[in-house]
Amino acid sequence: MIYRLQRKFILISVVSVFAVIILMFGLMTAFSISSMNRTLDLLADKVSAGGGQFPDLFGNNRLSRPNKADDPRGNGYITPETRFSTRYFTVFLDSEGDVQNTNTDFIYSVSEDKAVEYAQSVMNKDKTSGWLSNYRYNIYNTDYGKAVVFIDGSTNLASLYQSIIISAVVLFGCAFLVLVLITLLSKRVVKPIAESYEKQKQFITDANHELKTPLTLILANLDIAEAELGNNEWLDDIRIEGKRMTELVNQLVALSRMDENEQKIDAIQLQLSDIVADTVSDFSVLASENEKTLSAEIEPSVTLTGDETLIRRLLSILLDNALKYCDAGGEITVSLKRKHHIVLTVENTYKDIDNLELDRLFDRFYRADKARTFTGGYGVGLSIAKSIVEKHHGEITAYKKDSTHIGFKVVVR
């Protein structure tokens, strides 16, 4: 149980750390892409405003060096060197969509024919701006038709990819280091729980040894007392309560042993269909004596690799629980099917199902009866059933079938 808790702690930490890292990486990447697009769109807007050429925003006087306050745009994205470092080309089209003119003077790698091909490609799109290959384009209106400005974004894309790679390496490297630390420190985190759990198991073991001897003596002395005094209701009550106490101690010890991860089960190939049929047959007599109906729908030839003793105990617990809590004159149904997994269900009528806390039924010593009057159970059986199912790498759940039926489903993969 402790190792399972430690693994769960590590798993939750892994999921949490990577979720945060992926979110941060996604936001950083989205912000970088958005910032790059805004910058290139700004350059395209300037070329569009210049009629297909980048305008001289700062004048031709090379001796003047404008400061940030002189920047017509209001920030430092555009400098006096921007018009010389920006690579772009423009294609002009008339109102019919025919190419009238091209301007490829400010780019070396694109010919006029290629520029026309690019322009015709983007004109077929619904968007007025976007990406085509390594070029950011912007379609704008002119007095004679339309024009398409292409800004070379290859340098920006290379910088973006490099930034993304560096960010990924740094973020996921940090995440890996954090997870290593979490793994190393996880034992210290669960250590108080482990110590408490070990003390609990030791207490149950010690209590078992301390209680078994006096219980055995009490029951043995009852036989002697009955031989001398004869049968009477007081001795019968003592025997009943002594047997109850013995059964409870045995169940606690069994539950403690089931919780030990080191305890291996004797797994063999089982004919689960036959085992379920045998158990249902055994409980059919008890159901009839209590005026309850027990029926089963068992798919033949369902096999399971597991411990036969534990599987029979699981079935006995579920059917015994159904018999105890089934309404008078009610019905109990058992179903065994193999779909993608083995599915076993045990359902019974229970009129007070709305008052049940289904998520707590597998808690130890939980009883739906708040007055805790004795009904034949101790609130331990379903906990043992859950441990048996987990030993076989399955899961068990309680569910409300309808307003009058409760069910337990076991799924084994």
Protein backbone atom coordinates (compact mmCIF):
# COMPACT_ATOMS: atom_id res chain seq x y z
CA MET A 1 0.00 0.00 0.00
CA ILE A 2 2.82 2.40 0.87
CA TYR A 3 4.62 1.71 -2.39
CA ARG A 4 1.35 2.27 -4.24
CA LEU A 5 0.88 5.55 -2.41
CA GLN A 6 4.45 6.56 -3.27
CA ARG A 7 3.91 5.74 -6.94
CA LYS A 8 0.65 7.68 -6.94
CA PHE A 9 2.41 10.68 -5.37
CA ILE A 10 5.15 10.53 -8.02
CA LEU A 11 2.57 10.14 -10.81
CA ILE A 12 0.54 13.13 -9.60
CA SER A 13 3.74 15.17 -9.35
CA VAL A 14 4.81 14.13 -12.87
CA VAL A 15 1.44 15.04 -14.35
CA SER A 16 1.32 18.37 -12.46
CA VAL A 17 4.87 19.42 -13.38
CA PHE A 18 4.54 18.49 -17.03
CA ALA A 19 1.11 20.12 -17.27
CA VAL A 20 2.59 23.39 -15.99
CA ILE A 21 5.66 23.06 -18.23
CA ILE A 22 3.58 22.31 -21.32
CA LEU A 23 1.27 25.23 -20.53
CA MET A 24 4.23 27.58 -20.06
CA PHE A 25 5.90 26.31 -23.23
CA GLY A 26 2.67 26.70 -25.19
CA LEU A 27 2.09 30.25 -23.94
CA MET A 28 5.70 31.26 -24.64
CA THR A 29 5.56 29.79 -28.14
CA ALA A 30 2.20 31.40 -28.89
CA PHE A 31 3.44 34.78 -27.63
CA SER A 32 6.64 34.51 -29.71
CA ILE A 33 4.71 33.62 -32.86
CA SER A 34 2.21 36.40 -32.27
CA SER A 35 5.00 38.92 -31.67
CA MET A 36 6.82 37.85 -34.84
CA ASN A 37 3.63 38.10 -36.91
CA ARG A 38 2.88 41.56 -35.54
CA THR A 39 6.39 42.75 -36.40
CA LEU A 40 6.24 41.42 -39.97
CA ASP A 41 2.70 42.76 -40.43
CA LEU A 42 3.96 46.15 -39.33
CA LEU A 43 6.67 46.04 -41.98
CA ALA A 44 4.12 44.95 -44.59
CA ASP A 45 1.89 47.84 -43.59
CA LYS A 46 4.78 50.29 -44.07
CA VAL A 47 5.53 48.88 -47.52
CA SER A 48 1.82 49.04 -48.39
CA ALA A 49 1.66 52.65 -47.21
CA GLY A 50 4.71 53.40 -49.38
CA GLY A 51 3.00 52.14 -52.49
CA GLY A 52 5.05 48.96 -52.73
CA GLN A 53 8.32 50.31 -51.32
CA PHE A 54 9.56 50.83 -47.80
CA PRO A 55 9.23 54.59 -47.13
CA ASP A 56 12.09 56.69 -45.79
CA LEU A 57 10.59 57.43 -42.40
CA PHE A 58 13.64 59.23 -41.00
CA GLY A 59 14.74 61.36 -43.93
CA ASN A 60 17.88 61.12 -46.03
CA ASN A 61 20.16 63.01 -43.62
CA ARG A 62 22.64 60.36 -42.46
CA LEU A 63 24.13 62.74 -39.89
CA SER A 64 20.93 62.91 -37.86
CA ARG A 65 20.33 60.03 -35.50
CA PRO A 66 16.72 60.07 -34.30
CA ASN A 67 16.05 58.95 -30.77
CA LYS A 68 13.08 56.93 -29.58
CA ALA A 69 10.94 60.04 -29.25
CA ASP A 70 11.56 60.82 -32.91
CA ASP A 71 10.45 57.38 -34.00
CA PRO A 72 7.25 58.00 -36.05
CA ARG A 73 5.94 54.60 -35.00
CA GLY A 74 6.39 55.26 -31.30
CA ASN A 75 8.72 52.36 -30.42
CA GLY A 76 12.01 50.83 -31.45
CA TYR A 77 10.80 48.16 -33.87
CA ILE A 78 11.60 50.35 -36.86
CA THR A 79 14.98 52.06 -37.06
CA PRO A 80 16.77 53.97 -39.84
CA GLU A 81 18.34 50.65 -40.91
CA THR A 82 15.06 48.77 -41.19
CA ARG A 83 14.33 49.88 -44.76
CA PHE A 84 17.72 48.51 -45.81
CA SER A 85 17.59 45.22 -43.85
CA THR A 86 14.01 44.30 -44.78
CA ARG A 87 13.77 41.95 -47.78
CA TYR A 88 10.45 42.15 -49.60
CA PHE A 89 8.72 42.14 -52.98
CA THR A 90 5.39 43.45 -54.24
CA VAL A 91 2.98 42.28 -56.95
CA PHE A 92 0.32 44.64 -58.37
CA LEU A 93 -2.93 43.35 -59.86
CA ASP A 94 -5.80 45.09 -61.63
CA SER A 95 -9.47 44.86 -60.70
CA GLU A 96 -9.77 41.67 -62.79
CA GLY A 97 -7.00 39.97 -60.85
CA ASP A 98 -4.46 40.11 -63.68
CA VAL A 99 -0.85 40.93 -62.81
CA GLN A 100 0.11 44.44 -63.92
CA ASN A 101 3.51 44.92 -62.37
CA THR A 102 6.03 43.35 -59.98
CA ASN A 103 8.74 44.88 -57.84
CA THR A 104 11.50 42.41 -56.88
CA ASP A 105 14.28 44.99 -56.52
CA PHE A 106 14.52 44.47 -52.76
CA ILE A 107 14.92 40.69 -52.73
CA TYR A 108 17.49 38.48 -54.42
CA SER A 109 16.05 34.96 -54.10
CA VAL A 110 12.69 35.56 -55.84
CA SER A 111 12.30 36.07 -59.59
CA GLU A 112 9.42 37.95 -61.18
CA ASP A 113 7.78 34.70 -62.32
CA LYS A 114 8.02 33.26 -58.83
CA ALA A 115 6.61 36.48 -57.38
CA VAL A 116 3.61 36.24 -59.71
CA GLU A 117 3.10 32.58 -58.73
CA TYR A 118 3.13 33.53 -55.04
CA ALA A 119 0.66 36.37 -55.62
CA GLN A 120 -1.79 34.16 -57.51
CA SER A 121 -1.61 31.57 -54.70
CA VAL A 122 -2.53 34.03 -51.96
CA MET A 123 -5.26 35.72 -54.00
CA ASN A 124 -7.18 32.43 -53.94
CA LYS A 125 -7.29 32.54 -50.16
CA ASP A 126 -9.90 34.24 -48.03
CA LYS A 127 -7.37 35.88 -45.71
CA THR A 128 -5.78 39.24 -46.44
CA SER A 129 -2.65 38.36 -44.46
CA GLY A 130 -0.82 35.22 -43.52
CA TRP A 131 2.12 32.98 -44.38
CA LEU A 132 3.22 31.48 -47.68
CA SER A 133 6.39 29.47 -47.37
CA ASN A 134 8.85 31.77 -45.54
CA TYR A 135 7.04 34.97 -46.53
CA ARG A 136 4.50 36.98 -44.58
CA TYR A 137 2.03 38.54 -47.01
CA ASN A 138 -0.44 41.41 -46.83
CA ILE A 139 -3.09 42.18 -49.47
CA TYR A 140 -4.16 45.80 -49.74
CA ASN A 141 -6.26 47.90 -52.11
CA THR A 142 -4.86 50.39 -54.61
CA ASP A 143 -6.43 52.91 -56.99
CA TYR A 144 -6.18 50.37 -59.82
CA GLY A 145 -6.93 47.11 -58.04
CA LYS A 146 -5.01 45.17 -55.42
CA ALA A 147 -1.39 44.65 -54.43
CA VAL A 148 0.32 41.93 -52.42
CA VAL A 149 3.35 42.67 -50.28
CA PHE A 150 5.59 39.75 -49.27
CA ILE A 151 8.01 40.21 -46.39
CA ASP A 152 10.86 37.70 -46.10
CA GLY A 153 10.50 36.12 -42.64
CA SER A 154 13.16 33.40 -42.96
CA THR A 155 15.47 35.11 -40.47
CA ASN A 156 12.60 35.64 -38.04
CA LEU A 157 11.49 32.01 -38.39
CA ALA A 158 15.03 30.73 -37.82
CA SER A 159 15.28 32.85 -34.67
CA LEU A 160 11.86 31.62 -33.54
CA TYR A 161 12.75 27.96 -34.05
CA GLN A 162 16.01 28.44 -32.18
CA SER A 163 14.17 30.19 -29.36
CA ILE A 164 11.60 27.40 -29.18
CA ILE A 165 14.29 24.71 -29.03
CA ILE A 166 16.20 26.55 -26.30
CA SER A 167 12.99 27.10 -24.32
CA ALA A 168 12.02 23.44 -24.67
CA VAL A 169 15.43 22.21 -23.56
CA VAL A 170 15.51 24.56 -20.57
CA LEU A 171 11.92 23.96 -19.46
CA PHE A 172 11.88 20.20 -19.87
CA GLY A 173 15.39 19.93 -18.45
CA CYS A 174 14.20 21.76 -15.35
CA ALA A 175 11.11 19.53 -15.23
CA PHE A 176 13.30 16.43 -15.38
CA LEU A 177 15.48 17.71 -12.53
CA VAL A 178 12.39 18.51 -10.45
CA LEU A 179 11.00 15.03 -11.04
CA VAL A 180 14.31 13.45 -10.05
CA LEU A 181 14.21 15.42 -6.82
CA ILE A 182 10.57 14.44 -6.25
CA THR A 183 11.42 10.78 -6.79
CA LEU A 184 14.34 10.96 -4.38
CA LEU A 185 12.33 12.83 -1.75
CA SER A 186 9.09 10.86 -2.16
CA LYS A 187 10.21 8.27 0.39
CA ARG A 188 10.69 11.02 2.95
CA VAL A 189 7.26 12.47 2.09
CA VAL A 190 5.41 9.20 2.68
CA LYS A 191 7.62 8.11 5.59
CA PRO A 192 5.21 9.36 8.33
CA ILE A 193 2.33 7.57 6.61
CA ALA A 194 4.44 4.43 6.22
CA GLU A 195 5.36 4.46 9.89
CA SER A 196 1.75 4.95 10.93
CA TYR A 197 0.62 2.18 8.60
CA GLU A 198 3.25 -0.22 9.91
CA LYS A 199 2.21 0.54 13.48
CA GLN A 200 -1.40 -0.13 12.51
CA LYS A 201 -0.52 -3.50 11.00
CA GLN A 202 1.62 -4.38 14.00
CA PHE A 203 -1.25 -3.46 16.31
CA ILE A 204 -3.65 -5.73 14.39
CA THR A 205 -1.15 -8.60 14.49
CA ASP A 206 -0.51 -8.12 18.20
CA ALA A 207 -4.23 -7.79 18.92
CA ASN A 208 -4.85 -11.01 17.02
CA HIS A 209 -2.37 -12.90 19.16
CA GLU A 210 -3.64 -11.31 22.38
CA LEU A 211 -7.33 -11.94 21.61
CA LYS A 212 -7.19 -15.40 20.10
CA THR A 213 -6.02 -17.12 23.26
CA PRO A 214 -8.70 -15.74 25.62
CA LEU A 215 -11.39 -16.25 22.95
CA THR A 216 -10.33 -19.86 22.51
CA LEU A 217 -10.41 -20.36 26.30
CA ILE A 218 -13.84 -18.73 26.60
CA LEU A 219 -15.34 -20.97 23.91
CA ALA A 220 -13.65 -24.06 25.40
CA ASN A 221 -14.89 -23.24 28.91
CA LEU A 222 -18.40 -22.76 27.50
CA ASP A 223 -18.42 -26.41 26.47
CA ILE A 224 -17.44 -27.39 30.01
CA ALA A 225 -20.06 -25.09 31.54
CA GLU A 226 -22.75 -26.46 29.23
CA ALA A 227 -21.80 -30.00 30.22
CA GLU A 228 -22.32 -29.16 33.88
CA LEU A 229 -25.14 -26.58 33.73
CA GLY A 230 -26.92 -27.58 30.56
CA ASN A 231 -28.01 -25.30 27.74
CA ASN A 232 -29.30 -21.85 28.62
CA GLU A 233 -29.72 -18.54 26.79
CA TRP A 234 -26.86 -16.84 28.64
CA LEU A 235 -24.33 -19.39 27.54
CA ASP A 236 -25.73 -19.27 24.00
CA ASP A 237 -25.29 -15.48 23.93
CA ILE A 238 -21.69 -15.79 25.12
CA ARG A 239 -20.95 -18.38 22.42
CA ILE A 240 -22.51 -16.22 19.69
CA GLU A 241 -20.57 -13.14 20.74
CA GLY A 242 -17.35 -15.14 21.12
CA LYS A 243 -17.70 -16.52 17.60
CA ARG A 244 -18.44 -13.01 16.31
CA MET A 245 -15.31 -11.67 17.95
CA THR A 246 -13.21 -14.54 16.57
CA GLU A 247 -14.55 -13.93 13.06
CA LEU A 248 -13.85 -10.19 13.31
CA VAL A 249 -10.28 -10.79 14.46
CA ASN A 250 -9.72 -13.23 11.60
CA GLN A 251 -11.10 -10.72 9.09
CA LEU A 252 -8.85 -7.96 10.40
CA VAL A 253 -5.79 -10.18 10.09
CA ALA A 254 -6.85 -11.20 6.57
CA LEU A 255 -7.32 -7.57 5.59
CA SER A 256 -3.92 -6.65 7.01
CA ARG A 257 -2.28 -9.41 5.01
CA MET A 258 -4.11 -8.41 1.84
CA ASP A 259 -2.63 -4.94 2.15
CA GLU A 260 0.91 -6.26 2.03
CA ASN A 261 2.27 -5.71 -1.49
CA GLU A 262 4.93 -8.34 -0.86
CA GLN A 263 2.30 -11.06 -0.47
CA LYS A 264 2.08 -12.87 -3.79
CA ILE A 265 -1.04 -14.66 -4.92
CA ASP A 266 -1.05 -18.23 -6.20
CA ALA A 267 -2.07 -17.34 -9.74
CA ILE A 268 -3.24 -20.17 -11.99
CA GLN A 269 -5.59 -20.42 -14.97
CA LEU A 270 -9.14 -20.58 -13.57
CA GLN A 271 -12.48 -21.42 -15.12
CA LEU A 272 -14.19 -18.37 -13.68
CA SER A 273 -17.58 -19.30 -15.14
CA ASP A 274 -17.59 -22.58 -13.21
CA ILE A 275 -16.46 -20.89 -9.98
CA VAL A 276 -19.21 -18.27 -10.21
CA ALA A 277 -21.81 -20.95 -10.98
CA ASP A 278 -20.69 -23.04 -7.97
CA THR A 279 -20.81 -20.05 -5.61
CA VAL A 280 -24.26 -18.98 -6.85
CA SER A 281 -25.49 -22.56 -6.37
CA ASP A 282 -24.19 -22.57 -2.78
CA PHE A 283 -25.99 -19.31 -1.96
CA SER A 284 -29.24 -20.28 -3.71
CA VAL A 285 -30.31 -22.37 -0.69
CA LEU A 286 -29.69 -19.46 1.70
CA ALA A 287 -31.59 -17.13 -0.62
CA SER A 288 -34.59 -19.47 -0.68
CA GLU A 289 -34.55 -19.82 3.11
CA ASN A 290 -34.67 -16.02 3.39
CA GLU A 291 -37.46 -15.83 0.78
CA LYS A 292 -35.26 -13.99 -1.72
CA THR A 293 -34.72 -14.74 -5.40
CA LEU A 294 -31.19 -15.40 -6.67
CA SER A 295 -30.63 -15.64 -10.44
CA ALA A 296 -27.50 -15.63 -12.58
CA GLU A 297 -26.51 -14.94 -16.17
CA ILE A 298 -23.08 -16.50 -16.67
CA GLU A 299 -21.22 -16.46 -19.97
CA PRO A 300 -19.57 -19.87 -20.44
CA SER A 301 -15.83 -20.52 -20.72
CA VAL A 302 -14.70 -17.27 -19.11
CA THR A 303 -11.17 -17.81 -17.77
CA LEU A 304 -9.05 -15.79 -15.37
CA THR A 305 -5.49 -16.06 -14.14
CA GLY A 306 -5.73 -15.67 -10.39
CA ASP A 307 -5.89 -17.21 -6.93
CA GLU A 308 -8.89 -19.55 -6.69
CA THR A 309 -9.20 -19.23 -2.91
CA LEU A 310 -9.27 -15.43 -3.09
CA ILE A 311 -11.70 -15.39 -6.04
CA ARG A 312 -14.11 -17.68 -4.21
CA ARG A 313 -13.81 -15.46 -1.15
CA LEU A 314 -14.56 -12.38 -3.25
CA LEU A 315 -17.71 -13.98 -4.68
CA SER A 316 -18.79 -15.11 -1.22
CA ILE A 317 -18.36 -11.61 0.19
CA LEU A 318 -20.39 -10.01 -2.59
CA LEU A 319 -23.20 -12.56 -2.44
CA ASP A 320 -23.25 -12.57 1.36
CA ASN A 321 -23.46 -8.78 1.33
CA ALA A 322 -26.30 -8.93 -1.20
CA LEU A 323 -28.22 -11.43 0.91
CA LYS A 324 -27.83 -9.40 4.11
CA TYR A 325 -28.98 -6.12 2.62
CA CYS A 326 -31.48 -7.28 0.00
CA ASP A 327 -35.04 -6.21 0.83
CA ALA A 328 -37.42 -8.85 2.15
CA GLY A 329 -38.82 -10.76 -0.80
CA GLY A 330 -36.36 -8.99 -3.10
CA GLU A 331 -34.18 -10.28 -5.91
CA ILE A 332 -30.44 -10.74 -6.41
CA THR A 333 -28.90 -11.02 -9.86
CA VAL A 334 -25.38 -12.10 -10.78
CA SER A 335 -23.87 -11.48 -14.21
CA LEU A 336 -20.53 -12.60 -15.66
CA LYS A 337 -19.48 -11.44 -19.14
CA ARG A 338 -16.29 -10.99 -21.08
CA LYS A 339 -16.20 -7.94 -23.32
CA HIS A 340 -12.87 -6.18 -23.66
CA HIS A 341 -12.39 -7.16 -20.01
CA ILE A 342 -13.99 -9.58 -17.56
CA VAL A 343 -17.04 -7.91 -15.99
CA LEU A 344 -18.78 -9.36 -12.93
CA THR A 345 -21.84 -7.62 -11.45
CA VAL A 346 -23.90 -8.44 -8.37
CA GLU A 347 -27.13 -6.46 -7.96
CA ASN A 348 -29.89 -6.57 -5.38
CA THR A 349 -32.99 -4.63 -4.41
CA TYR A 350 -32.44 -2.10 -1.64
CA LYS A 351 -35.15 0.47 -1.00
CA ASP A 352 -32.93 2.78 1.10
CA ILE A 353 -30.32 3.23 -1.64
CA ASP A 354 -30.82 7.01 -1.68
CA ASN A 355 -29.43 7.17 1.86
CA LEU A 356 -26.23 5.30 0.96
CA GLU A 357 -22.85 6.97 0.51
CA LEU A 358 -21.67 4.78 -2.37
CA ASP A 359 -18.16 6.19 -2.38
CA ARG A 360 -17.68 5.08 1.25
CA LEU A 361 -18.94 1.51 1.05
CA PHE A 362 -15.40 0.15 0.72
CA ASP A 363 -14.12 2.06 3.75
CA ARG A 364 -13.17 -0.13 6.67
CA PHE A 365 -15.86 -0.42 9.34
CA TYR A 366 -18.24 1.78 7.35
CA ARG A 367 -21.86 0.87 7.90
CA ALA A 368 -24.81 2.57 6.26
CA ASP A 369 -26.73 2.02 9.48
CA LYS A 370 -25.74 5.10 11.53
CA ALA A 371 -27.09 3.48 14.69
CA ARG A 372 -24.61 0.63 14.03
CA THR A 373 -27.10 -2.04 15.04
CA PHE A 374 -25.78 -5.50 14.26
CA THR A 375 -26.94 -6.90 10.92
CA GLY A 376 -24.44 -9.74 10.64
CA GLY A 377 -21.60 -7.68 9.16
CA TYR A 378 -18.71 -5.66 10.48
CA GLY A 379 -18.04 -3.22 7.64
CA VAL A 380 -14.85 -5.10 6.73
CA GLY A 381 -16.02 -7.51 4.02
CA LEU A 382 -16.16 -5.01 1.15
CA SER A 383 -12.71 -3.71 2.11
CA ILE A 384 -11.39 -7.27 1.79
CA ALA A 385 -13.21 -7.61 -1.55
CA LYS A 386 -11.55 -4.45 -2.83
CA SER A 387 -8.12 -5.71 -1.77
CA ILE A 388 -8.71 -9.04 -3.54
CA VAL A 389 -9.75 -7.28 -6.75
CA GLU A 390 -6.70 -5.00 -6.63
CA LYS A 391 -4.46 -8.05 -6.12
CA HIS A 392 -5.81 -9.27 -9.46
CA HIS A 393 -5.17 -5.88 -11.14
CA GLY A 394 -8.84 -5.01 -11.36
CA GLU A 395 -11.21 -2.46 -9.88
CA ILE A 396 -14.51 -2.70 -8.02
CA THR A 397 -17.17 0.00 -7.85
CA ALA A 398 -20.58 0.41 -6.26
CA TYR A 399 -23.35 1.97 -8.31
CA LYS A 400 -27.03 2.86 -8.17
CA LYS A 401 -28.84 0.95 -10.89
CA ASP A 402 -32.17 2.67 -10.28
CA SER A 403 -34.25 3.93 -7.35
CA THR A 404 -34.56 0.42 -5.84
CA HIS A 405 -31.43 -1.47 -6.93
CA ILE A 406 -27.80 -1.30 -5.85
CA GLY A 407 -24.98 -3.03 -7.70
CA PHE A 408 -21.31 -3.89 -7.41
CA LYS A 409 -19.19 -4.16 -10.57
CA VAL A 410 -15.83 -5.92 -10.76
CA VAL A 411 -13.71 -5.31 -13.85
CA VAL A 412 -10.53 -7.36 -14.37
CA ARG A 413 -8.28 -6.53 -17.28
